[in-house]
Protein backbone atom coordinates (compact mmCIF):
# COMPACT_ATOMS: atom_id res chain seq x y z
CA MET A 1 42.92 14.88 -28.71
CA THR A 2 45.11 12.06 -29.99
CA ASP A 3 44.08 9.18 -32.19
CA LEU A 4 44.21 6.79 -29.19
CA ASP A 5 41.80 9.00 -27.20
CA ALA A 6 39.37 9.01 -30.09
CA ARG A 7 39.76 5.26 -30.62
CA TYR A 8 39.01 4.35 -26.97
CA GLY A 9 36.34 6.98 -26.29
CA ARG A 10 38.30 9.11 -23.88
CA ARG A 11 37.12 12.68 -23.60
CA SER A 12 39.00 15.85 -22.98
CA PRO A 13 38.97 17.23 -19.41
CA SER A 14 36.59 20.06 -20.34
CA THR A 15 33.99 17.60 -21.71
CA ARG A 16 34.27 15.55 -18.51
CA ARG A 17 33.70 18.65 -16.36
CA ILE A 18 30.62 19.58 -18.37
CA ALA A 19 29.20 16.06 -17.91
CA ILE A 20 29.77 16.20 -14.14
CA TRP A 21 28.09 19.61 -13.86
CA ALA A 22 25.15 18.51 -16.03
CA THR A 23 24.66 15.41 -13.86
CA ALA A 24 24.82 17.47 -10.64
CA ILE A 25 22.32 20.02 -11.96
CA GLY A 26 20.02 17.21 -13.11
CA LEU A 27 20.09 15.63 -9.63
CA VAL A 28 19.33 18.97 -7.95
CA VAL A 29 16.41 19.62 -10.31
CA ALA A 30 15.07 16.09 -9.73
CA ALA A 31 15.32 16.58 -5.94
CA LEU A 32 13.46 19.91 -6.14
CA VAL A 33 10.71 18.41 -8.30
CA TRP A 34 10.29 15.53 -5.83
CA PHE A 35 10.24 17.94 -2.87
CA VAL A 36 7.44 20.01 -4.44
CA TRP A 37 5.46 16.93 -5.46
CA ALA A 38 5.85 14.89 -2.23
CA GLN A 39 5.55 17.80 0.23
CA PRO A 40 7.49 16.03 2.99
CA ILE A 41 7.05 18.99 5.35
CA ASP A 42 3.44 19.22 6.49
CA THR A 43 2.57 22.82 7.28
CA SER A 44 -1.14 22.28 7.92
CA PRO A 45 -2.33 22.67 11.52
CA GLN A 46 -2.48 19.49 13.59
CA ALA A 47 -4.77 18.73 16.52
CA THR A 48 -3.50 16.82 19.54
CA TRP A 49 -5.57 15.59 22.46
CA ARG A 50 -5.20 14.19 25.95
CA ASP A 51 -7.75 12.27 27.99
CA THR A 52 -8.17 13.87 31.41
CA GLY A 53 -10.89 11.71 32.96
CA TYR A 54 -14.40 10.35 32.83
CA VAL A 55 -17.51 10.28 35.00
CA ILE A 56 -20.06 7.45 34.92
CA VAL A 57 -23.40 9.27 34.94
CA ASP A 58 -25.72 6.29 34.57
CA PRO A 59 -24.05 2.93 35.30
CA SER A 60 -26.16 1.24 32.65
CA ARG A 61 -26.16 3.72 29.73
CA GLU A 62 -24.18 6.97 29.95
CA ILE A 63 -20.63 8.17 30.61
CA VAL A 64 -19.04 11.63 30.37
CA ALA A 65 -15.60 11.81 28.76
CA GLU A 66 -13.26 14.65 29.75
CA TRP A 67 -10.37 15.72 27.52
CA GLU A 68 -8.32 18.62 26.26
CA VAL A 69 -7.46 19.58 22.70
CA THR A 70 -4.44 21.53 21.51
CA VAL A 71 -4.63 23.22 18.09
CA GLU A 72 -3.52 26.47 16.51
CA PRO A 73 -6.06 29.23 17.31
CA GLY A 74 -8.74 29.87 14.72
CA HIS A 75 -9.18 26.27 13.52
CA PRO A 76 -12.32 24.20 14.16
CA VAL A 77 -11.75 20.63 15.34
CA GLN A 78 -13.71 17.39 15.36
CA CYS A 79 -13.11 14.65 17.92
CA ALA A 80 -14.34 11.06 17.97
CA LEU A 81 -15.18 9.80 21.46
CA TYR A 82 -15.90 6.24 22.51
CA ALA A 83 -16.95 4.27 25.56
CA MET A 84 -15.81 0.76 26.44
CA ASN A 85 -17.17 -2.00 28.65
CA SER A 86 -15.20 -4.26 30.99
CA ALA A 87 -14.29 -6.55 28.07
CA PHE A 88 -12.73 -3.56 26.21
CA ALA A 89 -15.48 -3.63 23.57
CA VAL A 90 -16.69 -0.32 22.14
CA ILE A 91 -20.24 0.22 23.39
CA GLY A 92 -20.72 3.89 22.50
CA TRP A 93 -19.39 6.29 19.87
CA LYS A 94 -19.81 9.99 19.21
CA VAL A 95 -18.21 12.63 16.96
CA VAL A 96 -18.10 16.10 18.51
CA ASP A 97 -17.69 19.35 16.54
CA LEU A 98 -15.58 21.95 18.36
CA PRO A 99 -15.77 25.51 17.01
CA ALA A 100 -12.70 27.62 16.30
CA SER A 101 -11.32 29.54 19.25
CA ASP A 102 -8.58 32.03 20.05
CA GLN A 103 -7.17 29.65 22.70
CA ARG A 104 -4.55 27.05 21.87
CA ILE A 105 -5.47 24.53 24.61
CA ARG A 106 -9.10 23.93 25.58
CA GLN A 107 -10.87 21.49 27.93
CA PHE A 108 -14.10 19.70 27.10
CA ARG A 109 -16.66 17.32 28.62
CA ASP A 110 -19.23 15.42 26.61
CA SER A 111 -21.58 12.55 27.37
CA ILE A 112 -21.62 9.30 25.42
CA LEU A 113 -24.70 7.06 25.40
CA THR A 114 -23.86 3.37 25.67
CA THR A 115 -25.51 0.04 24.94
CA GLU A 116 -24.06 -1.66 28.04
CA PRO A 117 -22.61 -0.57 31.39
CA PRO A 118 -19.51 1.56 30.59
CA VAL A 119 -16.21 1.45 32.43
CA THR A 120 -14.33 4.19 30.56
CA GLY A 121 -14.83 7.03 28.09
CA LEU A 122 -11.94 8.11 25.87
CA VAL A 123 -11.00 10.18 22.83
CA TYR A 124 -10.31 8.02 19.80
CA ARG A 125 -8.92 10.81 17.62
CA CYS A 126 -9.14 14.56 16.91
CA TRP A 127 -8.55 16.31 13.59
CA VAL A 128 -8.76 19.81 12.15
CA ALA A 129 -12.11 20.16 10.39
């Protein structure tokens, strides 16, 4: 190294290479630590559902919701069902426990008691219990 290099803070090429490699390794380690901490890939089983119909049993207080649930076999599921009136207000609510099964897709029917005449019965959400 010459006196001018020392005076102006210039480094030799080998020092520069070491700094670049140290920075790259630091970024890779930081990315790995974030990946482990944040867990951006969710590997837990997810439940999906689809409304398939409804039947009004008692026009003033009961409706039967029909739906299907898709989940990996062996996982119990819970589903929240609701009924609505003609003004789209929720007039009935029920959480249903579905036991684990060896089938991936299953169909269900369940009644929902209401406080007013219902016009539809739907699934609000399903989740793995």
